Amino acid sequence: MKSGFLDKLIERLGRVGPEEVQHYLLRLAQEKGLIETVFNSIQEGIIVTDASGRITYVNNAACELFGFDSDSSVGKRLDERVPGLDWSALSSSAGPVTRDMEIFYPANRFINFYVVPLVMERRSDSNGVDEIRQPVGRAMILRDITQTRRTAEKTIESERLNALTLLAAGVAHEIGNPLNSLHIHLQLMERTVKKLDDHTRGELQESIDIARSEISRLDSIVTQFLRAIRPSKPQLHRENINAILDESVRFFAPEIQDRDIVVEQELRSDLPMLELDRDQMKQAFYNVIKNSFEAMKRHGILRIRTNMDDTHVLVTFTDSGGGMSAENLSRVFEPYFTTKTAGSGLGLLIVRRIVREHGGELAIESSEGKGLTLTIRLPYIDKRVRMLEAGSATNASV
């Protein structure tokens, strides 16, 4: 700090000596360093702006949440560093504001933030007539509520699936039995029609064929619904995941040729054997591959890759289709939700149920116009229990 600045400061302060000024400045620097150390050690994000919305301070937690660094952010407008944040609406309130938001970069998270105005109070004159409350900025406190929100969503989803399971039992009885009865009566009608003359028989046979087709369609809808909702325990055997993928791709060979689609497989050869229900897992792969083909229509590329980490085998499907918007992506596991004109909306629901029945996880990443990536994680190490070394309890109590 230049001596000229100190001289001016001393002249203004008058009664404050140079040693005291130096002492106060040193204490301010120490306190500022201590405050920054404390703020950087807490998990909540903290962002401080001036009255115009420019960042004056940001701690490490906030930088991690939004994916930027403090050096390049200080002095920039907050709504420039966080696109989509309506700072003008948030700063127009005279009091505190709390909201939730979803962020997609650097990771998909849900954030709760609390914005409070920072006000400097000063008296208008030496007599202390009126206090002037001058807004000097705002402080934003950020909290990651991703886990809490997803736990709540899982609870709601579980309750919804329980209700659907009860509904499935009613559907099987109330719709399945009448469909069987209709099918039997159509067979009886068809026998009678064969005895009629050619003209009359042709007209009635066409109506019978249409009715039978509609019955088959209804039966297929009921079957898919029950398959998606009813829990079924997998029959586990040691299986080679790469072999199941090969079989699944070969099943679609005619469609691959007809649509002129390229399927690239990068299958890791040293994967461990997994405890799987072969038929269920093949059904899951069928649904994923079929969805990819329908998304790409013709002349697309589907990349299938297998890999592994410390606990899971990863199966990744990446297509070159049109992708999905963030809004549609959040609804892909809702029963009967589909973006396709002829889709049932149950395919991914079935896939997720099968994966979860195997103790696995399902993740989908996509952006509109840039394809979609679906990753299935299947455990090969059971970590529900971890045995401690002998004597660790004794050592801990010493």
Protein backbone atom coordinates (compact mmCIF):
# COMPACT_ATOMS: atom_id res chain seq x y z
CA MET A 1 0.00 0.00 0.00
CA LYS A 2 1.43 3.39 -1.01
CA SER A 3 2.45 5.88 1.69
CA GLY A 4 0.44 8.66 0.00
CA PHE A 5 -2.77 6.76 0.67
CA LEU A 6 -1.85 6.39 4.33
CA ASP A 7 -1.04 10.10 4.59
CA LYS A 8 -4.48 11.02 3.20
CA LEU A 9 -6.14 8.54 5.49
CA ILE A 10 -4.30 9.98 8.51
CA GLU A 11 -5.25 13.52 7.54
CA ARG A 12 -8.92 12.56 7.34
CA LEU A 13 -8.97 10.59 10.53
CA GLY A 14 -7.13 13.36 12.37
CA ARG A 15 -6.98 11.88 15.83
CA VAL A 16 -5.92 8.36 14.73
CA GLY A 17 -2.21 7.81 14.77
CA PRO A 18 -0.25 5.95 12.06
CA GLU A 19 0.50 3.03 14.39
CA GLU A 20 -3.20 2.56 15.14
CA VAL A 21 -4.12 2.70 11.43
CA GLN A 22 -1.51 0.05 10.68
CA HIS A 23 -2.81 -2.04 13.55
CA TYR A 24 -6.42 -1.77 12.34
CA LEU A 25 -5.48 -2.63 8.75
CA LEU A 26 -3.54 -5.66 9.93
CA ARG A 27 -6.47 -6.82 12.06
CA LEU A 28 -8.87 -6.35 9.12
CA ALA A 29 -6.62 -8.44 6.87
CA GLN A 30 -6.38 -11.19 9.48
CA GLU A 31 -10.14 -11.21 10.07
CA LYS A 32 -10.83 -11.27 6.33
CA GLY A 33 -8.50 -14.26 5.95
CA LEU A 34 -10.15 -16.03 8.87
CA ILE A 35 -13.66 -15.42 7.47
CA GLU A 36 -12.64 -16.71 4.03
CA THR A 37 -11.10 -19.80 5.62
CA VAL A 38 -14.31 -20.48 7.55
CA PHE A 39 -16.52 -19.88 4.49
CA ASN A 40 -14.39 -22.19 2.35
CA SER A 41 -14.57 -24.97 4.92
CA ILE A 42 -18.37 -25.21 5.09
CA GLN A 43 -20.43 -27.34 2.71
CA GLU A 44 -23.02 -24.70 1.83
CA GLY A 45 -22.23 -22.45 -1.10
CA ILE A 46 -21.95 -18.70 -0.43
CA ILE A 47 -22.05 -15.99 -3.09
CA VAL A 48 -21.98 -12.27 -2.28
CA THR A 49 -22.88 -9.66 -4.90
CA ASP A 50 -22.92 -5.90 -5.01
CA ALA A 51 -26.09 -3.87 -5.60
CA SER A 52 -25.86 -4.37 -9.38
CA GLY A 53 -25.59 -8.16 -9.10
CA ARG A 54 -21.82 -8.46 -9.70
CA ILE A 55 -20.02 -11.12 -7.70
CA THR A 56 -17.76 -9.79 -4.97
CA TYR A 57 -17.13 -13.08 -3.17
CA VAL A 58 -17.73 -16.77 -3.86
CA ASN A 59 -16.60 -19.70 -1.70
CA ASN A 60 -15.27 -23.08 -2.80
CA ALA A 61 -18.57 -24.94 -2.31
CA ALA A 62 -20.41 -22.54 -4.63
CA CYS A 63 -17.68 -22.87 -7.24
CA GLU A 64 -18.00 -26.65 -7.12
CA LEU A 65 -21.79 -26.54 -7.45
CA PHE A 66 -21.77 -24.26 -10.50
CA GLY A 67 -18.49 -25.37 -12.06
CA PHE A 68 -16.57 -22.09 -12.06
CA ASP A 69 -13.58 -20.64 -10.19
CA SER A 70 -13.61 -17.60 -7.94
CA ASP A 71 -10.81 -15.67 -9.69
CA SER A 72 -12.62 -15.52 -13.04
CA SER A 73 -16.03 -14.95 -11.43
CA VAL A 74 -15.38 -11.98 -9.14
CA GLY A 75 -16.54 -8.83 -10.91
CA LYS A 76 -18.89 -10.70 -13.28
CA ARG A 77 -22.67 -10.58 -13.09
CA LEU A 78 -24.12 -13.59 -11.31
CA ASP A 79 -26.76 -14.22 -14.00
CA GLU A 80 -23.95 -14.33 -16.59
CA ARG A 81 -22.06 -16.99 -14.63
CA VAL A 82 -25.27 -18.94 -13.91
CA PRO A 83 -27.36 -18.87 -17.14
CA GLY A 84 -31.07 -19.23 -16.50
CA LEU A 85 -30.98 -17.51 -13.11
CA ASP A 86 -33.51 -14.66 -13.10
CA TRP A 87 -31.48 -12.32 -10.93
CA SER A 88 -33.65 -9.27 -11.62
CA ALA A 89 -36.71 -11.04 -10.17
CA LEU A 90 -34.76 -12.29 -7.16
CA SER A 91 -33.20 -8.91 -6.40
CA SER A 92 -36.43 -6.96 -6.76
CA SER A 93 -37.71 -8.22 -3.43
CA ALA A 94 -37.02 -6.06 -0.39
CA GLY A 95 -36.75 -9.11 1.88
CA PRO A 96 -35.23 -12.60 1.79
CA VAL A 97 -36.15 -14.97 -1.08
CA THR A 98 -35.86 -18.78 -1.09
CA ARG A 99 -36.26 -21.00 -4.16
CA ASP A 100 -35.27 -24.40 -5.53
CA MET A 101 -33.58 -24.90 -8.87
CA GLU A 102 -32.20 -27.73 -10.99
CA ILE A 103 -28.76 -27.42 -12.55
CA PHE A 104 -27.35 -29.61 -15.31
CA TYR A 105 -23.67 -28.60 -15.35
CA PRO A 106 -21.18 -29.73 -14.12
CA ALA A 107 -23.59 -32.35 -12.72
CA ASN A 108 -27.36 -32.75 -12.57
CA ARG A 109 -28.29 -31.50 -9.10
CA PHE A 110 -31.12 -29.85 -7.22
CA ILE A 111 -30.17 -26.73 -5.28
CA ASN A 112 -32.06 -24.77 -2.65
CA PHE A 113 -30.88 -21.18 -2.34
CA TYR A 114 -31.64 -18.35 0.07
CA VAL A 115 -31.04 -14.78 -1.04
CA VAL A 116 -30.91 -12.06 1.60
CA PRO A 117 -30.29 -8.34 1.01
CA LEU A 118 -27.22 -6.73 2.59
CA VAL A 119 -28.11 -3.30 3.97
CA MET A 120 -25.82 -0.61 5.40
CA GLU A 121 -27.41 1.60 8.03
CA ARG A 122 -26.15 5.13 8.63
CA ARG A 123 -27.48 8.33 10.22
CA SER A 124 -28.17 11.34 8.06
CA ASP A 125 -26.54 13.87 10.38
CA SER A 126 -24.68 14.26 13.65
CA ASN A 127 -27.92 14.72 15.55
CA GLY A 128 -29.12 11.26 14.54
CA VAL A 129 -32.36 12.44 12.99
CA ASP A 130 -33.12 9.54 10.63
CA GLU A 131 -31.37 6.32 9.74
CA ILE A 132 -30.81 5.65 6.03
CA ARG A 133 -30.93 1.99 5.00
CA GLN A 134 -28.81 1.73 1.90
CA PRO A 135 -28.76 -1.65 0.01
CA VAL A 136 -25.19 -2.54 -0.84
CA GLY A 137 -25.64 -6.05 -2.23
CA ARG A 138 -27.05 -9.50 -1.64
CA ALA A 139 -25.84 -12.77 -0.17
CA MET A 140 -26.89 -16.12 -1.63
CA ILE A 141 -26.61 -19.28 0.46
CA LEU A 142 -26.79 -22.53 -1.54
CA ARG A 143 -27.58 -26.02 -0.29
CA ASP A 144 -27.43 -29.25 -2.31
CA ILE A 145 -30.79 -31.00 -1.82
CA THR A 146 -30.31 -33.61 -4.58
CA GLN A 147 -30.29 -36.61 -2.27
CA THR A 148 -33.29 -35.38 -0.27
CA ARG A 149 -35.30 -34.65 -3.38
CA ARG A 150 -34.47 -37.96 -5.06
CA THR A 151 -35.32 -39.86 -1.89
CA ALA A 152 -38.70 -38.14 -1.86
CA GLU A 153 -39.17 -38.94 -5.55
CA LYS A 154 -38.35 -42.61 -4.92
CA THR A 155 -40.89 -42.71 -2.09
CA ILE A 156 -43.57 -41.23 -4.35
CA GLU A 157 -42.59 -43.58 -7.14
CA SER A 158 -42.72 -46.59 -4.81
CA GLU A 159 -46.20 -45.60 -3.66
CA ARG A 160 -47.28 -45.16 -7.28
CA LEU A 161 -45.92 -48.58 -8.25
CA ASN A 162 -47.67 -50.19 -5.27
CA ALA A 163 -50.93 -48.68 -6.46
CA LEU A 164 -50.25 -49.86 -10.00
CA THR A 165 -49.46 -53.37 -8.74
CA LEU A 166 -52.87 -53.52 -7.06
CA LEU A 167 -54.42 -52.21 -10.25
CA ALA A 168 -52.58 -54.88 -12.26
CA ALA A 169 -54.32 -57.67 -10.35
CA GLY A 170 -57.69 -56.11 -11.16
CA VAL A 171 -56.72 -55.58 -14.80
CA ALA A 172 -55.72 -59.24 -15.19
CA HIS A 173 -59.10 -60.40 -13.93
CA GLU A 174 -61.47 -57.73 -15.24
CA ILE A 175 -59.99 -57.45 -18.75
CA GLY A 176 -58.21 -60.75 -19.28
CA ASN A 177 -61.23 -62.98 -18.71
CA PRO A 178 -63.60 -61.04 -21.03
CA LEU A 179 -60.93 -61.07 -23.75
CA ASN A 180 -60.70 -64.86 -23.53
CA SER A 181 -64.49 -65.09 -23.71
CA LEU A 182 -64.58 -62.83 -26.79
CA HIS A 183 -61.91 -64.91 -28.47
CA ILE A 184 -63.89 -68.12 -27.89
CA HIS A 185 -67.11 -66.57 -29.27
CA LEU A 186 -65.29 -65.33 -32.35
CA GLN A 187 -64.16 -68.89 -33.01
CA LEU A 188 -67.79 -70.07 -32.75
CA MET A 189 -68.92 -67.29 -35.10
CA GLU A 190 -66.21 -68.24 -37.58
CA ARG A 191 -67.47 -71.83 -37.71
CA THR A 192 -70.99 -70.58 -38.47
CA VAL A 193 -69.74 -68.16 -41.13
CA LYS A 194 -68.11 -70.99 -43.08
CA LYS A 195 -71.59 -72.37 -43.80
CA LEU A 196 -72.81 -69.15 -45.47
CA ASP A 197 -72.55 -68.17 -49.13
CA ASP A 198 -69.32 -66.65 -50.42
CA HIS A 199 -70.48 -62.98 -50.50
CA THR A 200 -71.94 -62.96 -47.00
CA ARG A 201 -69.06 -65.04 -45.64
CA GLY A 202 -66.47 -62.61 -46.99
CA GLU A 203 -68.02 -59.57 -45.32
CA LEU A 204 -68.49 -61.28 -41.95
CA GLN A 205 -65.03 -62.87 -42.06
CA GLU A 206 -63.48 -59.43 -42.54
CA SER A 207 -65.33 -58.13 -39.46
CA ILE A 208 -64.24 -61.19 -37.47
CA ASP A 209 -60.61 -60.66 -38.49
CA ILE A 210 -60.74 -57.01 -37.40
CA ALA A 211 -62.31 -57.97 -34.06
CA ARG A 212 -59.67 -60.66 -33.51
CA SER A 213 -56.90 -58.18 -34.32
CA GLU A 214 -58.27 -55.69 -31.80
CA ILE A 215 -58.56 -58.42 -29.15
CA SER A 216 -54.92 -59.37 -29.78
CA ARG A 217 -53.91 -55.72 -29.44
CA LEU A 218 -55.75 -55.36 -26.13
CA ASP A 219 -54.25 -58.61 -24.90
CA SER A 220 -50.77 -57.34 -25.81
CA ILE A 221 -51.36 -54.07 -23.91
CA VAL A 222 -52.52 -55.94 -20.81
CA THR A 223 -49.55 -58.34 -21.05
CA GLN A 224 -47.05 -55.47 -21.32
CA PHE A 225 -48.68 -53.65 -18.44
CA LEU A 226 -48.52 -56.70 -16.18
CA ARG A 227 -44.94 -57.43 -17.21
CA ALA A 228 -43.92 -53.86 -16.38
CA ILE A 229 -45.67 -53.66 -13.02
CA ARG A 230 -45.73 -57.09 -11.43
CA PRO A 231 -42.55 -57.89 -9.51
CA SER A 232 -40.94 -61.11 -10.68
CA LYS A 233 -37.99 -62.67 -8.92
CA PRO A 234 -35.06 -63.28 -11.30
CA GLN A 235 -33.78 -66.84 -11.70
CA LEU A 236 -30.09 -66.09 -11.24
CA HIS A 237 -27.27 -68.02 -12.92
CA ARG A 238 -23.68 -67.14 -13.72
CA GLU A 239 -23.78 -65.52 -17.16
CA ASN A 240 -21.48 -63.77 -19.62
CA ILE A 241 -22.94 -60.31 -20.21
CA ASN A 242 -21.11 -59.93 -23.54
CA ALA A 243 -22.68 -63.15 -24.85
CA ILE A 244 -26.17 -61.89 -23.95
CA LEU A 245 -25.47 -58.62 -25.75
CA ASP A 246 -24.27 -60.51 -28.85
CA GLU A 247 -27.47 -62.57 -28.91
CA SER A 248 -29.58 -59.44 -28.49
CA VAL A 249 -27.88 -57.66 -31.40
CA ARG A 250 -28.13 -60.76 -33.65
CA PHE A 251 -31.87 -60.87 -32.95
CA PHE A 252 -32.20 -57.48 -34.65
CA ALA A 253 -30.02 -58.38 -37.68
CA PRO A 254 -32.89 -58.09 -40.23
CA GLU A 255 -33.98 -54.72 -38.82
CA ILE A 256 -30.38 -53.47 -38.73
CA GLN A 257 -30.03 -54.29 -42.42
CA ASP A 258 -33.45 -52.87 -43.33
CA ARG A 259 -32.84 -49.56 -41.53
CA ASP A 260 -29.21 -49.38 -42.70
CA ILE A 261 -28.02 -48.92 -39.12
CA VAL A 262 -24.42 -49.40 -37.97
CA VAL A 263 -23.97 -51.17 -34.63
CA GLU A 264 -20.49 -50.74 -33.14
CA GLN A 265 -19.63 -53.02 -30.22
CA GLU A 266 -16.71 -52.45 -27.87
CA LEU A 267 -17.03 -55.30 -25.39
CA ARG A 268 -14.37 -55.65 -22.70
CA SER A 269 -13.08 -59.21 -22.72
CA ASP A 270 -12.04 -59.56 -19.05
CA LEU A 271 -15.43 -58.89 -17.47
CA PRO A 272 -16.39 -61.11 -14.54
CA MET A 273 -19.32 -63.52 -14.76
CA LEU A 274 -22.53 -62.01 -13.34
CA GLU A 275 -25.47 -63.50 -11.46
CA LEU A 276 -28.26 -62.80 -13.96
CA ASP A 277 -31.60 -63.99 -15.21
CA ARG A 278 -30.63 -64.46 -18.85
CA ASP A 279 -34.14 -64.07 -20.29
CA GLN A 280 -34.96 -60.97 -18.26
CA MET A 281 -31.68 -59.27 -19.08
CA LYS A 282 -32.12 -60.11 -22.76
CA GLN A 283 -35.57 -58.54 -22.63
CA ALA A 284 -34.07 -55.39 -21.10
CA PHE A 285 -31.45 -55.21 -23.87
CA TYR A 286 -34.15 -55.78 -26.52
CA ASN A 287 -36.15 -52.82 -25.23
CA VAL A 288 -33.12 -50.50 -25.12
CA ILE A 289 -31.93 -51.47 -28.62
CA LYS A 290 -35.42 -51.18 -30.08
CA ASN A 291 -35.83 -47.71 -28.54
CA SER A 292 -32.52 -46.64 -30.06
CA PHE A 293 -33.48 -47.92 -33.52
CA GLU A 294 -36.84 -46.14 -33.39
CA ALA A 295 -35.14 -42.91 -32.29
CA MET A 296 -32.63 -43.07 -35.17
CA LYS A 297 -35.13 -44.36 -37.79
CA ARG A 298 -32.58 -44.91 -40.60
CA HIS A 299 -28.83 -44.54 -41.23
CA GLY A 300 -27.95 -44.15 -37.55
CA ILE A 301 -25.11 -45.44 -35.38
CA LEU A 302 -25.60 -47.38 -32.15
CA ARG A 303 -22.51 -47.85 -30.00
CA ILE A 304 -22.61 -50.59 -27.37
CA ARG A 305 -19.79 -50.66 -24.83
CA THR A 306 -19.07 -52.76 -21.77
CA ASN A 307 -16.64 -51.79 -19.03
CA MET A 308 -16.21 -52.18 -15.28
CA ASP A 309 -15.23 -50.25 -12.17
CA ASP A 310 -14.45 -51.43 -8.65
CA THR A 311 -17.93 -52.78 -7.96
CA HIS A 312 -20.04 -52.77 -11.14
CA VAL A 313 -20.08 -53.88 -14.75
CA LEU A 314 -21.22 -51.05 -17.01
CA VAL A 315 -23.22 -51.55 -20.23
CA THR A 316 -23.56 -48.35 -22.25
CA PHE A 317 -25.82 -47.76 -25.26
CA THR A 318 -25.22 -44.53 -27.22
CA ASP A 319 -27.34 -43.71 -30.27
CA SER A 320 -27.21 -40.92 -32.81
CA GLY A 321 -30.93 -40.18 -32.66
CA GLY A 322 -32.67 -36.91 -31.95
CA GLY A 323 -32.16 -37.08 -28.18
CA MET A 324 -34.64 -35.82 -25.61
CA SER A 325 -35.40 -32.49 -24.01
CA ALA A 326 -34.79 -32.02 -20.27
CA GLU A 327 -38.55 -32.00 -19.66
CA ASN A 328 -39.15 -35.29 -21.49
CA LEU A 329 -36.06 -36.85 -19.91
CA SER A 330 -37.53 -36.27 -16.46
CA ARG A 331 -40.65 -38.26 -17.44
CA VAL A 332 -39.18 -41.27 -19.28
CA PHE A 333 -40.05 -43.69 -16.44
CA GLU A 334 -43.66 -42.59 -16.11
CA PRO A 335 -46.05 -45.38 -17.17
CA TYR A 336 -47.40 -44.80 -20.69
CA PHE A 337 -45.33 -41.66 -21.28
CA THR A 338 -43.81 -41.81 -24.76
CA THR A 339 -42.58 -39.40 -27.42
CA LYS A 340 -43.27 -41.94 -30.19
CA THR A 341 -46.51 -42.05 -32.15
CA ALA A 342 -46.88 -45.83 -31.75
CA GLY A 343 -45.04 -46.41 -28.47
CA SER A 344 -46.54 -48.07 -25.40
CA GLY A 345 -44.60 -45.98 -22.88
CA LEU A 346 -43.68 -49.12 -20.88
CA GLY A 347 -40.35 -50.14 -22.43
CA LEU A 348 -37.98 -48.21 -20.16
CA LEU A 349 -40.17 -48.90 -17.13
CA ILE A 350 -39.65 -52.63 -17.79
CA VAL A 351 -35.90 -52.11 -18.28
CA ARG A 352 -35.54 -50.25 -14.99
CA ARG A 353 -37.57 -52.85 -13.10
CA ILE A 354 -35.38 -55.66 -14.44
CA VAL A 355 -32.16 -53.77 -13.65
CA ARG A 356 -33.32 -52.99 -10.11
CA GLU A 357 -34.38 -56.61 -9.56
CA HIS A 358 -30.72 -57.46 -10.28
CA GLY A 359 -29.49 -54.88 -7.76
CA GLY A 360 -28.35 -52.54 -10.52
CA GLU A 361 -28.81 -48.92 -11.50
CA LEU A 362 -30.00 -47.22 -14.67
CA ALA A 363 -28.90 -43.77 -15.87
CA ILE A 364 -29.90 -41.77 -18.96
CA GLU A 365 -28.10 -38.74 -20.38
CA SER A 366 -29.39 -36.80 -23.36
CA SER A 367 -29.87 -33.39 -24.87
CA GLU A 368 -32.21 -32.50 -27.69
CA GLY A 369 -30.65 -33.08 -31.10
CA LYS A 370 -27.53 -34.82 -29.74
CA GLY A 371 -28.57 -38.44 -29.23
CA LEU A 372 -29.02 -40.39 -26.03
CA THR A 373 -26.78 -42.47 -23.77
CA LEU A 374 -28.26 -45.13 -21.49
CA THR A 375 -25.98 -46.82 -18.94
CA ILE A 376 -26.82 -49.98 -17.00
CA ARG A 377 -24.70 -50.69 -13.90
CA LEU A 378 -24.81 -54.28 -12.64
CA PRO A 379 -22.98 -55.24 -9.42
CA TYR A 380 -20.38 -58.00 -9.45
CA ILE A 381 -19.26 -57.43 -5.84
CA ASP A 382 -21.84 -57.64 -3.06
CA LYS A 383 -20.96 -54.83 -0.61
CA ARG A 384 -23.93 -55.12 1.71
CA VAL A 385 -21.56 -56.37 4.47
CA ARG A 386 -17.91 -55.52 5.05
CA MET A 387 -15.95 -57.70 7.45
CA LEU A 388 -13.43 -55.88 9.65
CA GLU A 389 -10.01 -57.29 10.38
CA ALA A 390 -9.70 -59.43 13.49
CA GLY A 391 -8.81 -57.42 16.57
CA SER A 392 -9.99 -54.10 15.14
CA ALA A 393 -12.70 -53.79 17.80
CA THR A 394 -10.14 -54.44 20.53
CA ASN A 395 -7.73 -51.93 19.06
CA ALA A 396 -10.48 -49.31 18.78
CA SER A 397 -11.38 -49.64 22.43
CA VAL A 398 -7.84 -49.25 23.67
